[in-house]
Amino acid sequence: MTVLLVALGAAVGAPLRFLVASRLDDRLRAVALGTLAVNVAGSFVLGALSGAAVDGAALALLGTGFCGGLTTYSAFAVQTAERGRWGPAYAAVTVLGSLAACALGFWVAR
């Protein structure tokens, strides 16, 4: 049952990531806005789930499935390399923004 919940969550998160990234990402910008947005949003949701002490089936569906499908490390890594001299700044904004969003989500849910 848990595997199905993870798959169901990912079936919503991954297409949502694709839609946001395909509309907002641009190779010419210093920041890939779509990937940044989904990583920060997913971090906020996962922080809120942790702050609310969600576990079991709900965590499998929303945390592992939805947030796992929504967020992306591989696209972030490639886009960081593609940004050239802006790569380190893009990486810093993404990592710090995602950590801040996670902490905020945790705080809000507490």
PDB file of N, CA and C in Angstrom:
ATOM      1  N   MET A   1       0.814  -1.192   0.000  1.00  0.00           N
ATOM      2  CA  MET A   1       0.000   0.000   0.000  1.00  0.00           C
ATOM      3  C   MET A   1       0.866   1.268   0.000  1.00  0.00           C
ATOM      4  N   THR A   2       1.952   1.271   0.766  1.00  0.00           N
ATOM      5  CA  THR A   2       2.823   2.443   0.841  1.00  0.00           C
ATOM      6  C   THR A   2       3.421   2.786  -0.521  1.00  0.00           C
ATOM      7  N   VAL A   3       3.818   1.787  -1.268  1.00  0.00           N
ATOM      8  CA  VAL A   3       4.393   2.017  -2.595  1.00  0.00           C
ATOM      9  C   VAL A   3       3.374   2.710  -3.492  1.00  0.00           C
ATOM     10  N   LEU A   4       2.124   2.302  -3.403  1.00  0.00           N
ATOM     11  CA  LEU A   4       1.075   2.930  -4.216  1.00  0.00           C
ATOM     12  C   LEU A   4       0.843   4.384  -3.811  1.00  0.00           C
ATOM     13  N   LEU A   5       0.928   4.672  -2.535  1.00  0.00           N
ATOM     14  CA  LEU A   5       0.763   6.052  -2.068  1.00  0.00           C
ATOM     15  C   LEU A   5       1.903   6.939  -2.561  1.00  0.00           C
ATOM     16  N   VAL A   6       3.114   6.421  -2.507  1.00  0.00           N
ATOM     17  CA  VAL A   6       4.267   7.168  -3.020  1.00  0.00           C
ATOM     18  C   VAL A   6       4.091   7.425  -4.515  1.00  0.00           C
ATOM     19  N   ALA A   7       3.679   6.396  -5.247  1.00  0.00           N
ATOM     20  CA  ALA A   7       3.478   6.542  -6.695  1.00  0.00           C
ATOM     21  C   ALA A   7       2.367   7.541  -6.997  1.00  0.00           C
ATOM     22  N   LEU A   8       1.307   7.509  -6.228  1.00  0.00           N
ATOM     23  CA  LEU A   8       0.196   8.452  -6.432  1.00  0.00           C
ATOM     24  C   LEU A   8       0.643   9.889  -6.168  1.00  0.00           C
ATOM     25  N   GLY A   9       1.384  10.096  -5.093  1.00  0.00           N
ATOM     26  CA  GLY A   9       1.904  11.432  -4.802  1.00  0.00           C
ATOM     27  C   GLY A   9       2.847  11.922  -5.879  1.00  0.00           C
ATOM     28  N   ALA A  10       3.725  11.048  -6.348  1.00  0.00           N
ATOM     29  CA  ALA A  10       4.662  11.417  -7.412  1.00  0.00           C
ATOM     30  C   ALA A  10       3.945  11.674  -8.730  1.00  0.00           C
ATOM     31  N   ALA A  11       2.820  10.980  -8.947  1.00  0.00           N
ATOM     32  CA  ALA A  11       2.043  11.181 -10.171  1.00  0.00           C
ATOM     33  C   ALA A  11       1.415  12.573 -10.224  1.00  0.00           C
ATOM     34  N   VAL A  12       1.310  13.220  -9.099  1.00  0.00           N
ATOM     35  CA  VAL A  12       0.820  14.609  -9.055  1.00  0.00           C
ATOM     36  C   VAL A  12       2.003  15.576  -9.030  1.00  0.00           C
ATOM     37  N   GLY A  13       3.014  15.279  -8.225  1.00  0.00           N
ATOM     38  CA  GLY A  13       4.154  16.181  -8.067  1.00  0.00           C
ATOM     39  C   GLY A  13       5.009  16.329  -9.309  1.00  0.00           C
ATOM     40  N   ALA A  14       5.312  15.248  -9.977  1.00  0.00           N
ATOM     41  CA  ALA A  14       6.199  15.304 -11.149  1.00  0.00           C
ATOM     42  C   ALA A  14       5.593  16.087 -12.323  1.00  0.00           C
ATOM     43  N   PRO A  15       4.322  15.858 -12.689  1.00  0.00           N
ATOM     44  CA  PRO A  15       3.751  16.683 -13.766  1.00  0.00           C
ATOM     45  C   PRO A  15       3.650  18.162 -13.383  1.00  0.00           C
ATOM     46  N   LEU A  16       3.389  18.426 -12.108  1.00  0.00           N
ATOM     47  CA  LEU A  16       3.339  19.817 -11.656  1.00  0.00           C
ATOM     48  C   LEU A  16       4.705  20.473 -11.821  1.00  0.00           C
ATOM     49  N   ARG A  17       5.757  19.745 -11.459  1.00  0.00           N
ATOM     50  CA  ARG A  17       7.119  20.261 -11.654  1.00  0.00           C
ATOM     51  C   ARG A  17       7.373  20.539 -13.125  1.00  0.00           C
ATOM     52  N   PHE A  18       6.980  19.617 -13.989  1.00  0.00           N
ATOM     53  CA  PHE A  18       7.177  19.796 -15.426  1.00  0.00           C
ATOM     54  C   PHE A  18       6.458  21.049 -15.924  1.00  0.00           C
ATOM     55  N   LEU A  19       5.228  21.238 -15.510  1.00  0.00           N
ATOM     56  CA  LEU A  19       4.465  22.411 -15.949  1.00  0.00           C
ATOM     57  C   LEU A  19       5.115  23.718 -15.492  1.00  0.00           C
ATOM     58  N   VAL A  20       5.489  23.778 -14.223  1.00  0.00           N
ATOM     59  CA  VAL A  20       6.108  25.000 -13.691  1.00  0.00           C
ATOM     60  C   VAL A  20       7.452  25.256 -14.370  1.00  0.00           C
ATOM     61  N   ALA A  21       8.277  24.227 -14.467  1.00  0.00           N
ATOM     62  CA  ALA A  21       9.610  24.400 -15.065  1.00  0.00           C
ATOM     63  C   ALA A  21       9.515  24.759 -16.542  1.00  0.00           C
ATOM     64  N   SER A  22       8.606  24.127 -17.254  1.00  0.00           N
ATOM     65  CA  SER A  22       8.521  24.410 -18.692  1.00  0.00           C
ATOM     66  C   SER A  22       8.022  25.828 -18.964  1.00  0.00           C
ATOM     67  N   ARG A  23       7.299  26.411 -18.031  1.00  0.00           N
ATOM     68  CA  ARG A  23       6.814  27.782 -18.214  1.00  0.00           C
ATOM     69  C   ARG A  23       7.788  28.837 -17.701  1.00  0.00           C
ATOM     70  N   LEU A  24       8.567  28.505 -16.681  1.00  0.00           N
ATOM     71  CA  LEU A  24       9.392  29.532 -16.036  1.00  0.00           C
ATOM     72  C   LEU A  24      10.890  29.410 -16.275  1.00  0.00           C
ATOM     73  N   ASP A  25      11.372  28.214 -16.575  1.00  0.00           N
ATOM     74  CA  ASP A  25      12.821  28.056 -16.779  1.00  0.00           C
ATOM     75  C   ASP A  25      13.240  28.635 -18.129  1.00  0.00           C
ATOM     76  N   ASP A  26      14.395  29.258 -18.133  1.00  0.00           N
ATOM     77  CA  ASP A  26      14.944  29.841 -19.353  1.00  0.00           C
ATOM     78  C   ASP A  26      16.456  29.723 -19.263  1.00  0.00           C
ATOM     79  N   ARG A  27      17.089  29.151 -20.271  1.00  0.00           N
ATOM     80  CA  ARG A  27      18.542  28.932 -20.246  1.00  0.00           C
ATOM     81  C   ARG A  27      19.316  30.239 -20.241  1.00  0.00           C
ATOM     82  N   LEU A  28      18.686  31.320 -20.647  1.00  0.00           N
ATOM     83  CA  LEU A  28      19.404  32.592 -20.745  1.00  0.00           C
ATOM     84  C   LEU A  28      19.400  33.381 -19.443  1.00  0.00           C
ATOM     85  N   ARG A  29      18.542  33.036 -18.515  1.00  0.00           N
ATOM     86  CA  ARG A  29      18.489  33.746 -17.236  1.00  0.00           C
ATOM     87  C   ARG A  29      19.561  33.237 -16.281  1.00  0.00           C
ATOM     88  N   ALA A  30      19.926  34.089 -15.350  1.00  0.00           N
ATOM     89  CA  ALA A  30      20.899  33.684 -14.336  1.00  0.00           C
ATOM     90  C   ALA A  30      20.292  32.674 -13.367  1.00  0.00           C
ATOM     91  N   VAL A  31      18.962  32.680 -13.232  1.00  0.00           N
ATOM     92  CA  VAL A  31      18.262  31.789 -12.302  1.00  0.00           C
ATOM     93  C   VAL A  31      17.189  31.030 -13.072  1.00  0.00           C
ATOM     94  N   ALA A  32      17.147  29.722 -12.897  1.00  0.00           N
ATOM     95  CA  ALA A  32      16.086  28.902 -13.475  1.00  0.00           C
ATOM     96  C   ALA A  32      14.887  29.006 -12.522  1.00  0.00           C
ATOM     97  N   LEU A  33      13.994  29.935 -12.801  1.00  0.00           N
ATOM     98  CA  LEU A  33      12.925  30.267 -11.861  1.00  0.00           C
ATOM     99  C   LEU A  33      11.981  29.107 -11.566  1.00  0.00           C
ATOM    100  N   GLY A  34      11.678  28.287 -12.560  1.00  0.00           N
ATOM    101  CA  GLY A  34      10.766  27.170 -12.336  1.00  0.00           C
ATOM    102  C   GLY A  34      11.335  26.142 -11.384  1.00  0.00           C
ATOM    103  N   THR A  35      12.567  25.754 -11.611  1.00  0.00           N
ATOM    104  CA  THR A  35      13.215  24.770 -10.740  1.00  0.00           C
ATOM    105  C   THR A  35      13.408  25.340  -9.340  1.00  0.00           C
ATOM    106  N   LEU A  36      13.784  26.597  -9.272  1.00  0.00           N
ATOM    107  CA  LEU A  36      13.908  27.249  -7.967  1.00  0.00           C
ATOM    108  C   LEU A  36      12.563  27.234  -7.241  1.00  0.00           C
ATOM    109  N   ALA A  37      11.494  27.569  -7.949  1.00  0.00           N
ATOM    110  CA  ALA A  37      10.160  27.633  -7.333  1.00  0.00           C
ATOM    111  C   ALA A  37       9.713  26.269  -6.806  1.00  0.00           C
ATOM    112  N   VAL A  38       9.885  25.210  -7.604  1.00  0.00           N
ATOM    113  CA  VAL A  38       9.418  23.899  -7.134  1.00  0.00           C
ATOM    114  C   VAL A  38      10.276  23.389  -5.989  1.00  0.00           C
ATOM    115  N   ASN A  39      11.579  23.663  -6.010  1.00  0.00           N
ATOM    116  CA  ASN A  39      12.426  23.200  -4.909  1.00  0.00           C
ATOM    117  C   ASN A  39      12.110  23.936  -3.611  1.00  0.00           C
ATOM    118  N   VAL A  40      11.869  25.230  -3.694  1.00  0.00           N
ATOM    119  CA  VAL A  40      11.532  25.997  -2.493  1.00  0.00           C
ATOM    120  C   VAL A  40      10.139  25.596  -1.986  1.00  0.00           C
ATOM    121  N   ALA A  41       9.174  25.466  -2.882  1.00  0.00           N
ATOM    122  CA  ALA A  41       7.820  25.071  -2.477  1.00  0.00           C
ATOM    123  C   ALA A  41       7.808  23.675  -1.869  1.00  0.00           C
ATOM    124  N   GLY A  42       8.506  22.742  -2.491  1.00  0.00           N
ATOM    125  CA  GLY A  42       8.564  21.387  -1.953  1.00  0.00           C
ATOM    126  C   GLY A  42       9.239  21.336  -0.593  1.00  0.00           C
ATOM    127  N   SER A  43      10.254  22.163  -0.405  1.00  0.00           N
ATOM    128  CA  SER A  43      10.930  22.229   0.894  1.00  0.00           C
ATOM    129  C   SER A  43      10.007  22.786   1.963  1.00  0.00           C
ATOM    130  N   PHE A  44       9.210  23.777   1.594  1.00  0.00           N
ATOM    131  CA  PHE A  44       8.235  24.337   2.543  1.00  0.00           C
ATOM    132  C   PHE A  44       7.222  23.271   2.958  1.00  0.00           C
ATOM    133  N   VAL A  45       6.669  22.560   1.982  1.00  0.00           N
ATOM    134  CA  VAL A  45       5.674  21.525   2.282  1.00  0.00           C
ATOM    135  C   VAL A  45       6.278  20.425   3.153  1.00  0.00           C
ATOM    136  N   LEU A  46       7.483  19.985   2.823  1.00  0.00           N
ATOM    137  CA  LEU A  46       8.112  18.933   3.617  1.00  0.00           C
ATOM    138  C   LEU A  46       8.421  19.418   5.035  1.00  0.00           C
ATOM    139  N   GLY A  47       8.837  20.675   5.173  1.00  0.00           N
ATOM    140  CA  GLY A  47       9.046  21.243   6.501  1.00  0.00           C
ATOM    141  C   GLY A  47       7.748  21.294   7.291  1.00  0.00           C
ATOM    142  N   ALA A  48       6.653  21.663   6.632  1.00  0.00           N
ATOM    143  CA  ALA A  48       5.349  21.721   7.303  1.00  0.00           C
ATOM    144  C   ALA A  48       4.895  20.325   7.724  1.00  0.00           C
ATOM    145  N   LEU A  49       5.118  19.342   6.872  1.00  0.00           N
ATOM    146  CA  LEU A  49       4.765  17.970   7.234  1.00  0.00           C
ATOM    147  C   LEU A  49       5.562  17.502   8.443  1.00  0.00           C
ATOM    148  N   SER A  50       6.828  17.850   8.481  1.00  0.00           N
ATOM    149  CA  SER A  50       7.664  17.485   9.628  1.00  0.00           C
ATOM    150  C   SER A  50       7.224  18.227  10.881  1.00  0.00           C
ATOM    151  N   GLY A  51       6.952  19.516  10.729  1.00  0.00           N
ATOM    152  CA  GLY A  51       6.506  20.296  11.878  1.00  0.00           C
ATOM    153  C   GLY A  51       5.187  19.810  12.444  1.00  0.00           C
ATOM    154  N   ALA A  52       4.323  19.304  11.581  1.00  0.00           N
ATOM    155  CA  ALA A  52       3.029  18.786  12.023  1.00  0.00           C
ATOM    156  C   ALA A  52       3.118  17.335  12.472  1.00  0.00           C
ATOM    157  N   ALA A  53       4.316  16.775  12.444  1.00  0.00           N
ATOM    158  CA  ALA A  53       4.567  15.388  12.862  1.00  0.00           C
ATOM    159  C   ALA A  53       3.721  14.395  12.076  1.00  0.00           C
ATOM    160  N   VAL A  54       3.573  14.664  10.783  1.00  0.00           N
ATOM    161  CA  VAL A  54       2.844  13.746   9.908  1.00  0.00           C
ATOM    162  C   VAL A  54       3.705  12.510   9.688  1.00  0.00           C
ATOM    163  N   ASP A  55       3.091  11.356   9.749  1.00  0.00           N
ATOM    164  CA  ASP A  55       3.836  10.127   9.495  1.00  0.00           C
ATOM    165  C   ASP A  55       2.946   9.112   8.802  1.00  0.00           C
ATOM    166  N   GLY A  56       3.456   7.944   8.603  1.00  0.00           N
ATOM    167  CA  GLY A  56       2.685   6.855   8.021  1.00  0.00           C
ATOM    168  C   GLY A  56       2.267   7.109   6.588  1.00  0.00           C
ATOM    169  N   ALA A  57       1.030   6.785   6.289  1.00  0.00           N
ATOM    170  CA  ALA A  57       0.502   6.867   4.936  1.00  0.00           C
ATOM    171  C   ALA A  57       0.520   8.296   4.397  1.00  0.00           C
ATOM    172  N   ALA A  58       0.177   9.254   5.223  1.00  0.00           N
ATOM    173  CA  ALA A  58       0.157  10.651   4.770  1.00  0.00           C
ATOM    174  C   ALA A  58       1.556  11.122   4.397  1.00  0.00           C
ATOM    175  N   LEU A  59       2.550  10.727   5.151  1.00  0.00           N
ATOM    176  CA  LEU A  59       3.926  11.105   4.839  1.00  0.00           C
ATOM    177  C   LEU A  59       4.398  10.424   3.551  1.00  0.00           C
ATOM    178  N   ALA A  60       4.003   9.179   3.358  1.00  0.00           N
ATOM    179  CA  ALA A  60       4.363   8.477   2.127  1.00  0.00           C
ATOM    180  C   ALA A  60       3.750   9.177   0.917  1.00  0.00           C
ATOM    181  N   LEU A  61       2.488   9.545   1.014  1.00  0.00           N
ATOM    182  CA  LEU A  61       1.787  10.203  -0.088  1.00  0.00           C
ATOM    183  C   LEU A  61       2.324  11.607  -0.352  1.00  0.00           C
ATOM    184  N   LEU A  62       2.378  12.415   0.690  1.00  0.00           N
ATOM    185  CA  LEU A  62       2.719  13.830   0.535  1.00  0.00           C
ATOM    186  C   LEU A  62       4.209  14.115   0.602  1.00  0.00           C
ATOM    187  N   GLY A  63       4.899  13.520   1.555  1.00  0.00           N
ATOM    188  CA  GLY A  63       6.323  13.796   1.736  1.00  0.00           C
ATOM    189  C   GLY A  63       7.187  13.105   0.696  1.00  0.00           C
ATOM    190  N   THR A  64       7.136  11.791   0.700  1.00  0.00           N
ATOM    191  CA  THR A  64       7.973  11.038  -0.229  1.00  0.00           C
ATOM    192  C   THR A  64       7.455  11.141  -1.660  1.00  0.00           C
ATOM    193  N   GLY A  65       6.164  10.948  -1.857  1.00  0.00           N
ATOM    194  CA  GLY A  65       5.595  10.944  -3.200  1.00  0.00           C
ATOM    195  C   GLY A  65       5.496  12.327  -3.815  1.00  0.00           C
ATOM    196  N   PHE A  66       4.635  13.177  -3.249  1.00  0.00           N
ATOM    197  CA  PHE A  66       4.403  14.490  -3.838  1.00  0.00           C
ATOM    198  C   PHE A  66       5.651  15.371  -3.822  1.00  0.00           C
ATOM    199  N   CYS A  67       6.254  15.536  -2.649  1.00  0.00           N
ATOM    200  CA  CYS A  67       7.443  16.395  -2.561  1.00  0.00           C
ATOM    201  C   CYS A  67       8.623  15.807  -3.336  1.00  0.00           C
ATOM    202  N   GLY A  68       8.761  14.491  -3.306  1.00  0.00           N
ATOM    203  CA  GLY A  68       9.828  13.847  -4.067  1.00  0.00           C
ATOM    204  C   GLY A  68       9.641  14.020  -5.562  1.00  0.00           C
ATOM    205  N   GLY A  69       8.397  13.958  -6.023  1.00  0.00           N
ATOM    206  CA  GLY A  69       8.123  14.170  -7.439  1.00  0.00           C
ATOM    207  C   GLY A  69       8.199  15.630  -7.848  1.00  0.00           C
ATOM    208  N   LEU A  70       7.831  16.501  -6.941  1.00  0.00           N
ATOM    209  CA  LEU A  70       7.820  17.935  -7.236  1.00  0.00           C
ATOM    210  C   LEU A  70       9.227  18.522  -7.304  1.00  0.00           C
ATOM    211  N   THR A  71      10.063  18.157  -6.356  1.00  0.00           N
ATOM    212  CA  THR A  71      11.404  18.745  -6.286  1.00  0.00           C
ATOM    213  C   THR A  71      12.370  17.977  -7.179  1.00  0.00           C
ATOM    214  N   THR A  72      13.498  18.607  -7.476  1.00  0.00           N
ATOM    215  CA  THR A  72      14.467  17.962  -8.352  1.00  0.00           C
ATOM    216  C   THR A  72      15.883  18.379  -7.985  1.00  0.00           C
ATOM    217  N   TYR A  73      16.741  17.406  -7.858  1.00  0.00           N
ATOM    218  CA  TYR A  73      18.154  17.704  -7.685  1.00  0.00           C
ATOM    219  C   TYR A  73      18.874  17.641  -9.022  1.00  0.00           C
ATOM    220  N   SER A  74      18.493  16.696  -9.861  1.00  0.00           N
ATOM    221  CA  SER A  74      19.218  16.512 -11.120  1.00  0.00           C
ATOM    222  C   SER A  74      19.094  17.731 -12.024  1.00  0.00           C
ATOM    223  N   ALA A  75      17.894  18.269 -12.187  1.00  0.00           N
ATOM    224  CA  ALA A  75      17.731  19.471 -13.016  1.00  0.00           C
ATOM    225  C   ALA A  75      18.464  20.649 -12.380  1.00  0.00           C
ATOM    226  N   PHE A  76      18.404  20.752 -11.069  1.00  0.00           N
ATOM    227  CA  PHE A  76      19.116  21.816 -10.354  1.00  0.00           C
ATOM    228  C   PHE A  76      20.618  21.729 -10.621  1.00  0.00           C
ATOM    229  N   ALA A  77      21.180  20.526 -10.575  1.00  0.00           N
ATOM    230  CA  ALA A  77      22.618  20.348 -10.807  1.00  0.00           C
ATOM    231  C   ALA A  77      23.000  20.735 -12.232  1.00  0.00           C
ATOM    232  N   VAL A  78      22.222  20.283 -13.204  1.00  0.00           N
ATOM    233  CA  VAL A  78      22.510  20.616 -14.604  1.00  0.00           C
ATOM    234  C   VAL A  78      22.373  22.116 -14.831  1.00  0.00           C
ATOM    235  N   GLN A  79      21.309  22.693 -14.297  1.00  0.00           N
ATOM    236  CA  GLN A  79      21.091  24.129 -14.494  1.00  0.00           C
ATOM    237  C   GLN A  79      22.157  24.966 -13.795  1.00  0.00           C
ATOM    238  N   THR A  80      22.667  24.497 -12.688  1.00  0.00           N
ATOM    239  CA  THR A  80      23.752  25.203 -12.023  1.00  0.00           C
ATOM    240  C   THR A  80      24.983  25.227 -12.930  1.00  0.00           C
ATOM    241  N   ALA A  81      25.293  24.095 -13.540  1.00  0.00           N
ATOM    242  CA  ALA A  81      26.439  24.029 -14.453  1.00  0.00           C
ATOM    243  C   ALA A  81      26.209  24.892 -15.692  1.00  0.00           C
ATOM    244  N   GLU A  82      24.993  24.938 -16.182  1.00  0.00           N
ATOM    245  CA  GLU A  82      24.676  25.729 -17.374  1.00  0.00           C
ATOM    246  C   GLU A  82      24.747  27.236 -17.138  1.00  0.00           C
ATOM    247  N   ARG A  83      24.665  27.658 -15.895  1.00  0.00           N
ATOM    248  CA  ARG A  83      24.624  29.084 -15.586  1.00  0.00           C
ATOM    249  C   ARG A  83      25.997  29.744 -15.663  1.00  0.00           C
ATOM    250  N   GLY A  84      27.050  28.960 -15.851  1.00  0.00           N
ATOM    251  CA  GLY A  84      28.381  29.533 -15.981  1.00  0.00           C
ATOM    252  C   GLY A  84      28.787  30.323 -14.754  1.00  0.00           C
ATOM    253  N   ARG A  85      29.133  31.564 -14.949  1.00  0.00           N
ATOM    254  CA  ARG A  85      29.595  32.385 -13.819  1.00  0.00           C
ATOM    255  C   ARG A  85      28.488  32.647 -12.805  1.00  0.00           C
ATOM    256  N   TRP A  86      27.229  32.505 -13.216  1.00  0.00           N
ATOM    257  CA  TRP A  86      26.110  32.688 -12.288  1.00  0.00           C
ATOM    258  C   TRP A  86      25.773  31.414 -11.525  1.00  0.00           C
ATOM    259  N   GLY A  87      26.401  30.301 -11.888  1.00  0.00           N
ATOM    260  CA  GLY A  87      26.114  29.014 -11.262  1.00  0.00           C
ATOM    261  C   GLY A  87      26.222  29.001  -9.749  1.00  0.00           C
ATOM    262  N   PRO A  88      27.332  29.488  -9.187  1.00  0.00           N
ATOM    263  CA  PRO A  88      27.437  29.481  -7.725  1.00  0.00           C
ATOM    264  C   PRO A  88      26.360  30.322  -7.041  1.00  0.00           C
ATOM    265  N   ALA A  89      26.005  31.445  -7.628  1.00  0.00           N
ATOM    266  CA  ALA A  89      24.949  32.287  -7.040  1.00  0.00           C
ATOM    267  C   ALA A  89      23.602  31.574  -7.110  1.00  0.00           C
ATOM    268  N   TYR A  90      23.318  30.945  -8.255  1.00  0.00           N
ATOM    269  CA  TYR A  90      22.064  30.195  -8.412  1.00  0.00           C
ATOM    270  C   TYR A  90      22.000  29.053  -7.403  1.00  0.00           C
ATOM    271  N   ALA A  91      23.112  28.342  -7.225  1.00  0.00           N
ATOM    272  CA  ALA A  91      23.160  27.240  -6.264  1.00  0.00           C
ATOM    273  C   ALA A  91      22.918  27.750  -4.843  1.00  0.00           C
ATOM    274  N   ALA A  92      23.559  28.854  -4.502  1.00  0.00           N
ATOM    275  CA  ALA A  92      23.399  29.411  -3.151  1.00  0.00           C
ATOM    276  C   ALA A  92      21.965  29.853  -2.902  1.00  0.00           C
ATOM    277  N   VAL A  93      21.364  30.531  -3.869  1.00  0.00           N
ATOM    278  CA  VAL A  93      19.979  30.991  -3.722  1.00  0.00           C
ATOM    279  C   VAL A  93      19.048  29.794  -3.554  1.00  0.00           C
ATOM    280  N   THR A  94      19.261  28.752  -4.341  1.00  0.00           N
ATOM    281  CA  THR A  94      18.401  27.574  -4.267  1.00  0.00           C
ATOM    282  C   THR A  94      18.551  26.861  -2.925  1.00  0.00           C
ATOM    283  N   VAL A  95      19.770  26.600  -2.515  1.00  0.00           N
ATOM    284  CA  VAL A  95      19.994  25.861  -1.266  1.00  0.00           C
ATOM    285  C   VAL A  95      19.523  26.673  -0.059  1.00  0.00           C
ATOM    286  N   LEU A  96      19.925  27.931   0.014  1.00  0.00           N
ATOM    287  CA  LEU A  96      19.522  28.758   1.159  1.00  0.00           C
ATOM    288  C   LEU A  96      18.019  29.015   1.160  1.00  0.00           C
ATOM    289  N   GLY A  97      17.457  29.257  -0.016  1.00  0.00           N
ATOM    290  CA  GLY A  97      16.008  29.471  -0.102  1.00  0.00           C
ATOM    291  C   GLY A  97      15.228  28.232   0.297  1.00  0.00           C
ATOM    292  N   SER A  98      15.701  27.069  -0.115  1.00  0.00           N
ATOM    293  CA  SER A  98      15.022  25.819   0.238  1.00  0.00           C
ATOM    294  C   SER A  98      15.137  25.527   1.732  1.00  0.00           C
ATOM    295  N   LEU A  99      16.294  25.777   2.307  1.00  0.00           N
ATOM    296  CA  LEU A  99      16.451  25.581   3.756  1.00  0.00           C
ATOM    297  C   LEU A  99      15.571  26.543   4.546  1.00  0.00           C
ATOM    298  N   ALA A 100      15.518  27.790   4.106  1.00  0.00           N
ATOM    299  CA  ALA A 100      14.671  28.775   4.778  1.00  0.00           C
ATOM    300  C   ALA A 100      13.196  28.399   4.654  1.00  0.00           C
ATOM    301  N   ALA A 101      12.788  27.936   3.477  1.00  0.00           N
ATOM    302  CA  ALA A 101      11.399  27.542   3.273  1.00  0.00           C
ATOM    303  C   ALA A 101      11.040  26.337   4.141  1.00  0.00           C
ATOM    304  N   CYS A 102      11.950  25.396   4.256  1.00  0.00           N
ATOM    305  CA  CYS A 102      11.726  24.229   5.106  1.00  0.00           C
ATOM    306  C   CYS A 102      11.564  24.653   6.567  1.00  0.00           C
ATOM    307  N   ALA A 103      12.442  25.521   7.031  1.00  0.00           N
ATOM    308  CA  ALA A 103      12.356  26.010   8.412  1.00  0.00           C
ATOM    309  C   ALA A 103      11.060  26.778   8.635  1.00  0.00           C
ATOM    310  N   LEU A 104      10.670  27.602   7.670  1.00  0.00           N
ATOM    311  CA  LEU A 104       9.419  28.352   7.783  1.00  0.00           C
ATOM    312  C   LEU A 104       8.219  27.408   7.818  1.00  0.00           C
ATOM    313  N   GLY A 105       8.216  26.404   6.945  1.00  0.00           N
ATOM    314  CA  GLY A 105       7.134  25.429   6.952  1.00  0.00           C
ATOM    315  C   GLY A 105       7.046  24.691   8.274  1.00  0.00           C
ATOM    316  N   PHE A 106       8.199  24.309   8.812  1.00  0.00           N
ATOM    317  CA  PHE A 106       8.239  23.641  10.108  1.00  0.00           C
ATOM    318  C   PHE A 106       7.681  24.546  11.190  1.00  0.00           C
ATOM    319  N   TRP A 107       8.089  25.805  11.183  1.00  0.00           N
ATOM    320  CA  TRP A 107       7.647  26.776  12.194  1.00  0.00           C
ATOM    321  C   TRP A 107       6.137  27.033  12.082  1.00  0.00           C
ATOM    322  N   VAL A 108       5.649  27.198  10.874  1.00  0.00           N
ATOM    323  CA  VAL A 108       4.217  27.464  10.658  1.00  0.00           C
ATOM    324  C   VAL A 108       3.372  26.283  11.141  1.00  0.00           C
ATOM    325  N   ALA A 109       3.812  25.069  10.861  1.00  0.00           N
ATOM    326  CA  ALA A 109       3.041  23.879  11.225  1.00  0.00           C
ATOM    327  C   ALA A 109       3.088  23.571  12.717  1.00  0.00           C
ATOM    328  N   ARG A 110       4.093  24.074  13.395  1.00  0.00           N
ATOM    329  CA  ARG A 110       4.212  23.826  14.840  1.00  0.00           C
ATOM    330  C   ARG A 110       3.148  24.590  15.539  1.00  0.00           C
TER     331      ARG A 110
END
